[in-house]
PDB file of N, CA and C in Angstrom:
ATOM      1  N   UNK A   1      -6.991   0.902  18.009  1.00  0.00           N
ATOM      2  CA  UNK A   1      -6.554  -0.306  18.286  1.00  0.00           C
ATOM      3  C   UNK A   1      -6.747  -0.600  19.705  1.00  0.00           C
ATOM      4  N   UNK A   2      -7.283  -1.994  20.156  1.00  0.00           N
ATOM      5  CA  UNK A   2      -7.085  -2.067  21.148  1.00  0.00           C
ATOM      6  C   UNK A   2      -5.479  -3.317  21.296  1.00  0.00           C
ATOM      7  N   UNK A   3      -4.599  -2.542  22.004  1.00  0.00           N
ATOM      8  CA  UNK A   3      -3.382  -3.608  22.675  1.00  0.00           C
ATOM      9  C   UNK A   3      -3.756  -5.356  22.490  1.00  0.00           C
ATOM     10  N   UNK A   4      -4.702  -6.078  22.944  1.00  0.00           N
ATOM     11  CA  UNK A   4      -4.740  -7.399  22.943  1.00  0.00           C
ATOM     12  C   UNK A   4      -5.146  -7.945  21.344  1.00  0.00           C
ATOM     13  N   UNK A   5      -5.590  -6.723  20.572  1.00  0.00           N
ATOM     14  CA  UNK A   5      -5.542  -7.267  19.318  1.00  0.00           C
ATOM     15  C   UNK A   5      -4.634  -7.330  18.676  1.00  0.00           C
ATOM     16  N   UNK A   6      -3.856  -8.184  17.780  1.00  0.00           N
ATOM     17  CA  UNK A   6      -3.283  -8.606  16.680  1.00  0.00           C
ATOM     18  C   UNK A   6      -3.284  -8.023  15.542  1.00  0.00           C
ATOM     19  N   UNK A   7      -2.895  -6.841  14.402  1.00  0.00           N
ATOM     20  CA  UNK A   7      -3.429  -6.702  13.653  1.00  0.00           C
ATOM     21  C   UNK A   7      -2.748  -7.693  12.453  1.00  0.00           C
ATOM     22  N   UNK A   8      -3.342  -7.994  11.550  1.00  0.00           N
ATOM     23  CA  UNK A   8      -2.977  -8.681  10.639  1.00  0.00           C
ATOM     24  C   UNK A   8      -2.183  -8.135   9.253  1.00  0.00           C
ATOM     25  N   UNK A   9      -0.947  -8.412   9.035  1.00  0.00           N
ATOM     26  CA  UNK A   9       0.174  -7.909   7.961  1.00  0.00           C
ATOM     27  C   UNK A   9       0.329  -9.249   7.095  1.00  0.00           C
ATOM     28  N   UNK A  10       0.005  -8.798   5.408  1.00  0.00           N
ATOM     29  CA  UNK A  10       0.292  -9.438   4.826  1.00  0.00           C
ATOM     30  C   UNK A  10       1.304  -9.326   3.586  1.00  0.00           C
ATOM     31  N   UNK A  11       2.516  -9.989   3.569  1.00  0.00           N
ATOM     32  CA  UNK A  11       3.519  -9.330   2.701  1.00  0.00           C
ATOM     33  C   UNK A  11       3.185  -9.929   1.470  1.00  0.00           C
ATOM     34  N   UNK A  12       2.810  -9.453  -0.022  1.00  0.00           N
ATOM     35  CA  UNK A  12       2.802  -9.905  -1.129  1.00  0.00           C
ATOM     36  C   UNK A  12       3.873 -10.522  -1.736  1.00  0.00           C
ATOM     37  N   UNK A  13       4.203 -11.245  -2.762  1.00  0.00           N
ATOM     38  CA  UNK A  13       5.101 -11.570  -3.422  1.00  0.00           C
ATOM     39  C   UNK A  13       5.823 -10.422  -4.468  1.00  0.00           C
ATOM     40  N   UNK A  14       5.079  -9.640  -5.097  1.00  0.00           N
ATOM     41  CA  UNK A  14       4.708  -8.735  -6.516  1.00  0.00           C
ATOM     42  C   UNK A  14       4.058  -7.642  -6.232  1.00  0.00           C
ATOM     43  N   UNK A  15       3.440  -7.169  -4.966  1.00  0.00           N
ATOM     44  CA  UNK A  15       2.990  -6.016  -4.570  1.00  0.00           C
ATOM     45  C   UNK A  15       3.160  -5.713  -3.492  1.00  0.00           C
ATOM     46  N   UNK A  16       1.771  -5.159  -2.832  1.00  0.00           N
ATOM     47  CA  UNK A  16       1.918  -3.910  -1.464  1.00  0.00           C
ATOM     48  C   UNK A  16       1.879  -4.922  -0.512  1.00  0.00           C
ATOM     49  N   UNK A  17       2.381  -4.377   0.599  1.00  0.00           N
ATOM     50  CA  UNK A  17       1.936  -5.016   1.768  1.00  0.00           C
ATOM     51  C   UNK A  17       0.530  -4.813   2.132  1.00  0.00           C
ATOM     52  N   UNK A  18      -0.322  -6.089   2.721  1.00  0.00           N
ATOM     53  CA  UNK A  18      -1.765  -5.523   2.841  1.00  0.00           C
ATOM     54  C   UNK A  18      -1.734  -5.641   4.294  1.00  0.00           C
ATOM     55  N   UNK A  19      -2.353  -4.591   5.004  1.00  0.00           N
ATOM     56  CA  UNK A  19      -2.567  -4.234   6.615  1.00  0.00           C
ATOM     57  C   UNK A  19      -4.158  -4.196   6.941  1.00  0.00           C
ATOM     58  N   UNK A  20      -4.094  -5.217   7.536  1.00  0.00           N
ATOM     59  CA  UNK A  20      -6.098  -5.453   7.583  1.00  0.00           C
ATOM     60  C   UNK A  20      -6.144  -4.603   9.355  1.00  0.00           C
ATOM     61  N   UNK A  21      -7.224  -3.721   8.723  1.00  0.00           N
ATOM     62  CA  UNK A  21      -8.199  -2.886   9.671  1.00  0.00           C
ATOM     63  C   UNK A  21      -7.449  -1.628   9.730  1.00  0.00           C
ATOM     64  N   UNK A  22      -8.415  -0.824  10.182  1.00  0.00           N
ATOM     65  CA  UNK A  22      -7.630   1.013  10.186  1.00  0.00           C
ATOM     66  C   UNK A  22      -6.010   1.213  10.773  1.00  0.00           C
ATOM     67  N   UNK A  23      -5.734   1.800  10.131  1.00  0.00           N
ATOM     68  CA  UNK A  23      -4.466   2.150  10.813  1.00  0.00           C
ATOM     69  C   UNK A  23      -3.220   3.116  10.445  1.00  0.00           C
ATOM     70  N   UNK A  24      -2.606   3.989  11.393  1.00  0.00           N
ATOM     71  CA  UNK A  24      -1.953   5.200  11.188  1.00  0.00           C
ATOM     72  C   UNK A  24      -0.307   4.760  10.938  1.00  0.00           C
ATOM     73  N   UNK A  25       0.114   5.698   9.571  1.00  0.00           N
ATOM     74  CA  UNK A  25       1.080   5.134   9.480  1.00  0.00           C
ATOM     75  C   UNK A  25       2.242   6.399   9.502  1.00  0.00           C
ATOM     76  N   UNK A  26       3.382   6.062  10.189  1.00  0.00           N
ATOM     77  CA  UNK A  26       3.818   7.063  10.549  1.00  0.00           C
ATOM     78  C   UNK A  26       4.724   7.237   9.451  1.00  0.00           C
ATOM     79  N   UNK A  27       5.541   8.357   8.781  1.00  0.00           N
ATOM     80  CA  UNK A  27       6.398   8.329   7.433  1.00  0.00           C
ATOM     81  C   UNK A  27       7.564   9.244   8.358  1.00  0.00           C
ATOM     82  N   UNK A  28       8.918   8.946   7.871  1.00  0.00           N
ATOM     83  CA  UNK A  28      10.372   9.392   8.210  1.00  0.00           C
ATOM     84  C   UNK A  28      10.192  11.098   8.122  1.00  0.00           C
ATOM     85  N   UNK A  29       9.732  11.354   7.056  1.00  0.00           N
ATOM     86  CA  UNK A  29       9.237  13.065   7.534  1.00  0.00           C
ATOM     87  C   UNK A  29       8.707  13.560   8.902  1.00  0.00           C
ATOM     88  N   UNK A  30       8.256  12.860   9.911  1.00  0.00           N
ATOM     89  CA  UNK A  30       7.389  12.983  10.914  1.00  0.00           C
ATOM     90  C   UNK A  30       5.775  13.241  10.567  1.00  0.00           C
ATOM     91  N   UNK A  31       5.649  13.014   9.151  1.00  0.00           N
ATOM     92  CA  UNK A  31       3.967  13.075   8.680  1.00  0.00           C
ATOM     93  C   UNK A  31       3.255  11.795   9.173  1.00  0.00           C
ATOM     94  N   UNK A  32       2.153  11.558   9.393  1.00  0.00           N
ATOM     95  CA  UNK A  32       1.376  10.973   9.628  1.00  0.00           C
ATOM     96  C   UNK A  32       0.138  10.751   8.677  1.00  0.00           C
ATOM     97  N   UNK A  33      -0.306   9.526   8.451  1.00  0.00           N
ATOM     98  CA  UNK A  33      -1.215   9.333   7.082  1.00  0.00           C
ATOM     99  C   UNK A  33      -2.298   8.091   7.952  1.00  0.00           C
ATOM    100  N   UNK A  34      -3.389   8.426   7.554  1.00  0.00           N
ATOM    101  CA  UNK A  34      -4.310   7.112   8.660  1.00  0.00           C
ATOM    102  C   UNK A  34      -5.414   6.837   7.417  1.00  0.00           C
ATOM    103  N   UNK A  35      -5.665   5.354   7.673  1.00  0.00           N
ATOM    104  CA  UNK A  35      -6.654   4.865   6.549  1.00  0.00           C
ATOM    105  C   UNK A  35      -7.564   4.327   7.614  1.00  0.00           C
ATOM    106  N   UNK A  36      -8.816   4.252   7.549  1.00  0.00           N
ATOM    107  CA  UNK A  36     -10.154   3.957   7.570  1.00  0.00           C
ATOM    108  C   UNK A  36     -10.550   2.805   7.140  1.00  0.00           C
ATOM    109  N   UNK A  37      -9.696   2.440   5.971  1.00  0.00           N
ATOM    110  CA  UNK A  37     -10.117   0.548   5.026  1.00  0.00           C
ATOM    111  C   UNK A  37     -10.317  -0.007   6.116  1.00  0.00           C
ATOM    112  N   UNK A  38     -11.133  -1.160   5.458  1.00  0.00           N
ATOM    113  CA  UNK A  38     -11.083  -2.657   6.423  1.00  0.00           C
ATOM    114  C   UNK A  38      -9.106  -3.082   5.651  1.00  0.00           C
ATOM    115  N   UNK A  39      -9.124  -3.012   4.699  1.00  0.00           N
ATOM    116  CA  UNK A  39      -7.471  -3.512   4.395  1.00  0.00           C
ATOM    117  C   UNK A  39      -7.080  -2.355   3.597  1.00  0.00           C
ATOM    118  N   UNK A  40      -5.811  -1.894   4.190  1.00  0.00           N
ATOM    119  CA  UNK A  40      -4.941  -1.071   3.343  1.00  0.00           C
ATOM    120  C   UNK A  40      -3.848  -1.313   2.623  1.00  0.00           C
ATOM    121  N   UNK A  41      -3.454  -1.561   1.500  1.00  0.00           N
ATOM    122  CA  UNK A  41      -2.190  -1.666   0.512  1.00  0.00           C
ATOM    123  C   UNK A  41      -1.148  -0.417   0.931  1.00  0.00           C
ATOM    124  N   UNK A  42       0.006  -1.159   1.243  1.00  0.00           N
ATOM    125  CA  UNK A  42       0.752   0.016   1.675  1.00  0.00           C
ATOM    126  C   UNK A  42       1.962  -1.053   0.502  1.00  0.00           C
ATOM    127  N   UNK A  43       2.251   0.634  -0.279  1.00  0.00           N
ATOM    128  CA  UNK A  43       3.221   0.671  -1.470  1.00  0.00           C
ATOM    129  C   UNK A  43       4.910   0.236  -0.418  1.00  0.00           C
ATOM    130  N   UNK A  44       5.536  -0.453  -1.336  1.00  0.00           N
ATOM    131  CA  UNK A  44       6.314  -1.133  -0.635  1.00  0.00           C
ATOM    132  C   UNK A  44       7.803  -0.267  -1.985  1.00  0.00           C
ATOM    133  N   UNK A  45       7.154  -0.372  -3.392  1.00  0.00           N
ATOM    134  CA  UNK A  45       8.175  -0.133  -4.566  1.00  0.00           C
ATOM    135  C   UNK A  45       8.563   1.494  -3.966  1.00  0.00           C
ATOM    136  N   UNK A  46       7.318   2.084  -4.039  1.00  0.00           N
ATOM    137  CA  UNK A  46       7.713   3.721  -3.687  1.00  0.00           C
ATOM    138  C   UNK A  46       7.782   4.548  -5.303  1.00  0.00           C
ATOM    139  N   UNK A  47       6.752   3.116  -6.380  1.00  0.00           N
ATOM    140  CA  UNK A  47       6.372   3.549  -7.081  1.00  0.00           C
ATOM    141  C   UNK A  47       4.752   4.918  -7.597  1.00  0.00           C
ATOM    142  N   UNK A  48       3.915   4.753  -5.784  1.00  0.00           N
ATOM    143  CA  UNK A  48       2.693   5.082  -6.030  1.00  0.00           C
ATOM    144  C   UNK A  48       2.659   6.694  -5.838  1.00  0.00           C
ATOM    145  N   UNK A  49       1.401   7.195  -6.776  1.00  0.00           N
ATOM    146  CA  UNK A  49       1.867   8.356  -6.345  1.00  0.00           C
ATOM    147  C   UNK A  49       0.605   8.753  -5.112  1.00  0.00           C
ATOM    148  N   UNK A  50       0.517   7.813  -5.051  1.00  0.00           N
ATOM    149  CA  UNK A  50      -0.381   8.146  -3.403  1.00  0.00           C
ATOM    150  C   UNK A  50       0.401   7.815  -2.252  1.00  0.00           C
ATOM    151  N   UNK A  51       2.058   7.574  -2.436  1.00  0.00           N
ATOM    152  CA  UNK A  51       3.009   7.200  -1.205  1.00  0.00           C
ATOM    153  C   UNK A  51       2.296   7.482   0.120  1.00  0.00           C
ATOM    154  N   UNK A  52       2.005   6.852   1.208  1.00  0.00           N
ATOM    155  CA  UNK A  52       2.463   5.437   1.367  1.00  0.00           C
ATOM    156  C   UNK A  52       1.152   4.180   1.055  1.00  0.00           C
ATOM    157  N   UNK A  53       0.080   5.297   0.004  1.00  0.00           N
ATOM    158  CA  UNK A  53      -0.860   4.317   0.095  1.00  0.00           C
ATOM    159  C   UNK A  53      -0.609   3.551  -1.423  1.00  0.00           C
ATOM    160  N   UNK A  54      -0.733   2.142  -1.689  1.00  0.00           N
ATOM    161  CA  UNK A  54      -0.217   2.046  -3.065  1.00  0.00           C
ATOM    162  C   UNK A  54      -1.919   2.031  -3.904  1.00  0.00           C
ATOM    163  N   UNK A  55      -1.122   2.106  -5.225  1.00  0.00           N
ATOM    164  CA  UNK A  55      -1.711   2.646  -6.572  1.00  0.00           C
ATOM    165  C   UNK A  55      -1.263   1.831  -7.641  1.00  0.00           C
ATOM    166  N   UNK A  56      -1.130   0.363  -7.053  1.00  0.00           N
ATOM    167  CA  UNK A  56      -1.202  -0.473  -7.786  1.00  0.00           C
ATOM    168  C   UNK A  56      -0.038   0.020  -9.308  1.00  0.00           C
ATOM    169  N   UNK A  57       1.138   1.126  -9.462  1.00  0.00           N
ATOM    170  CA  UNK A  57       1.867   1.308 -10.222  1.00  0.00           C
ATOM    171  C   UNK A  57       2.929   0.180 -10.153  1.00  0.00           C
ATOM    172  N   UNK A  58       3.279  -0.256  -9.395  1.00  0.00           N
ATOM    173  CA  UNK A  58       3.909  -1.441  -9.149  1.00  0.00           C
ATOM    174  C   UNK A  58       3.099  -2.518 -10.815  1.00  0.00           C
ATOM    175  N   UNK A  59       2.546  -2.643 -10.906  1.00  0.00           N
ATOM    176  CA  UNK A  59       2.437  -3.757 -11.973  1.00  0.00           C
ATOM    177  C   UNK A  59       2.729  -3.254 -13.442  1.00  0.00           C
ATOM    178  N   UNK A  60       3.445  -4.023 -14.006  1.00  0.00           N
ATOM    179  CA  UNK A  60       4.155  -4.068 -15.232  1.00  0.00           C
ATOM    180  C   UNK A  60       2.701  -3.746 -16.409  1.00  0.00           C
ATOM    181  N   UNK A  61       2.874  -2.521 -17.420  1.00  0.00           N
ATOM    182  CA  UNK A  61       2.280  -2.573 -18.307  1.00  0.00           C
ATOM    183  C   UNK A  61       2.820  -2.829 -19.480  1.00  0.00           C
ATOM    184  N   UNK A  62       1.949  -3.602 -20.331  1.00  0.00           N
ATOM    185  CA  UNK A  62       2.118  -4.170 -21.828  1.00  0.00           C
ATOM    186  C   UNK A  62       2.023  -3.200 -22.705  1.00  0.00           C
ATOM    187  N   UNK A  63       3.082  -2.956 -23.391  1.00  0.00           N
ATOM    188  CA  UNK A  63       2.955  -2.012 -24.677  1.00  0.00           C
ATOM    189  C   UNK A  63       1.988  -2.799 -25.760  1.00  0.00           C
ATOM    190  N   UNK A  64       1.508  -2.145 -26.259  1.00  0.00           N
ATOM    191  CA  UNK A  64       0.070  -2.331 -27.249  1.00  0.00           C
ATOM    192  C   UNK A  64       0.819  -1.746 -28.645  1.00  0.00           C
ATOM    193  N   UNK A  65       0.536  -2.928 -29.785  1.00  0.00           N
ATOM    194  CA  UNK A  65       1.598  -2.712 -30.868  1.00  0.00           C
ATOM    195  C   UNK A  65       0.823  -1.611 -31.844  1.00  0.00           C
ATOM    196  N   UNK A  66       1.798  -0.790 -32.133  1.00  0.00           N
ATOM    197  CA  UNK A  66       1.158   0.310 -32.979  1.00  0.00           C
ATOM    198  C   UNK A  66       0.799  -0.153 -34.344  1.00  0.00           C
ATOM    199  N   UNK A  67      -0.543   0.692 -34.621  1.00  0.00           N
ATOM    200  CA  UNK A  67      -1.122   0.183 -35.818  1.00  0.00           C
ATOM    201  C   UNK A  67       0.120   1.031 -37.122  1.00  0.00           C
ATOM    202  N   UNK A  68       0.011   0.211 -38.213  1.00  0.00           N
ATOM    203  CA  UNK A  68       1.098   1.090 -39.373  1.00  0.00           C
ATOM    204  C   UNK A  68      -0.473   1.829 -40.257  1.00  0.00           C
TER     205      UNK A  68
END
């Protein structure tokens, strides 16, 4: 990443934080996750099985009616 180019970060109201461009994510345990995607969705609810990358686990699921 070039120091003169700012990364764009979008904080959504009901989901992940979107980060533009390839990113390196440093985690509290000292590990690092690299994403080469044009936009990376970072999980903020910590429900993701792929944490810190969002897998849409934050979405509420509607229960289907059971047939009798």
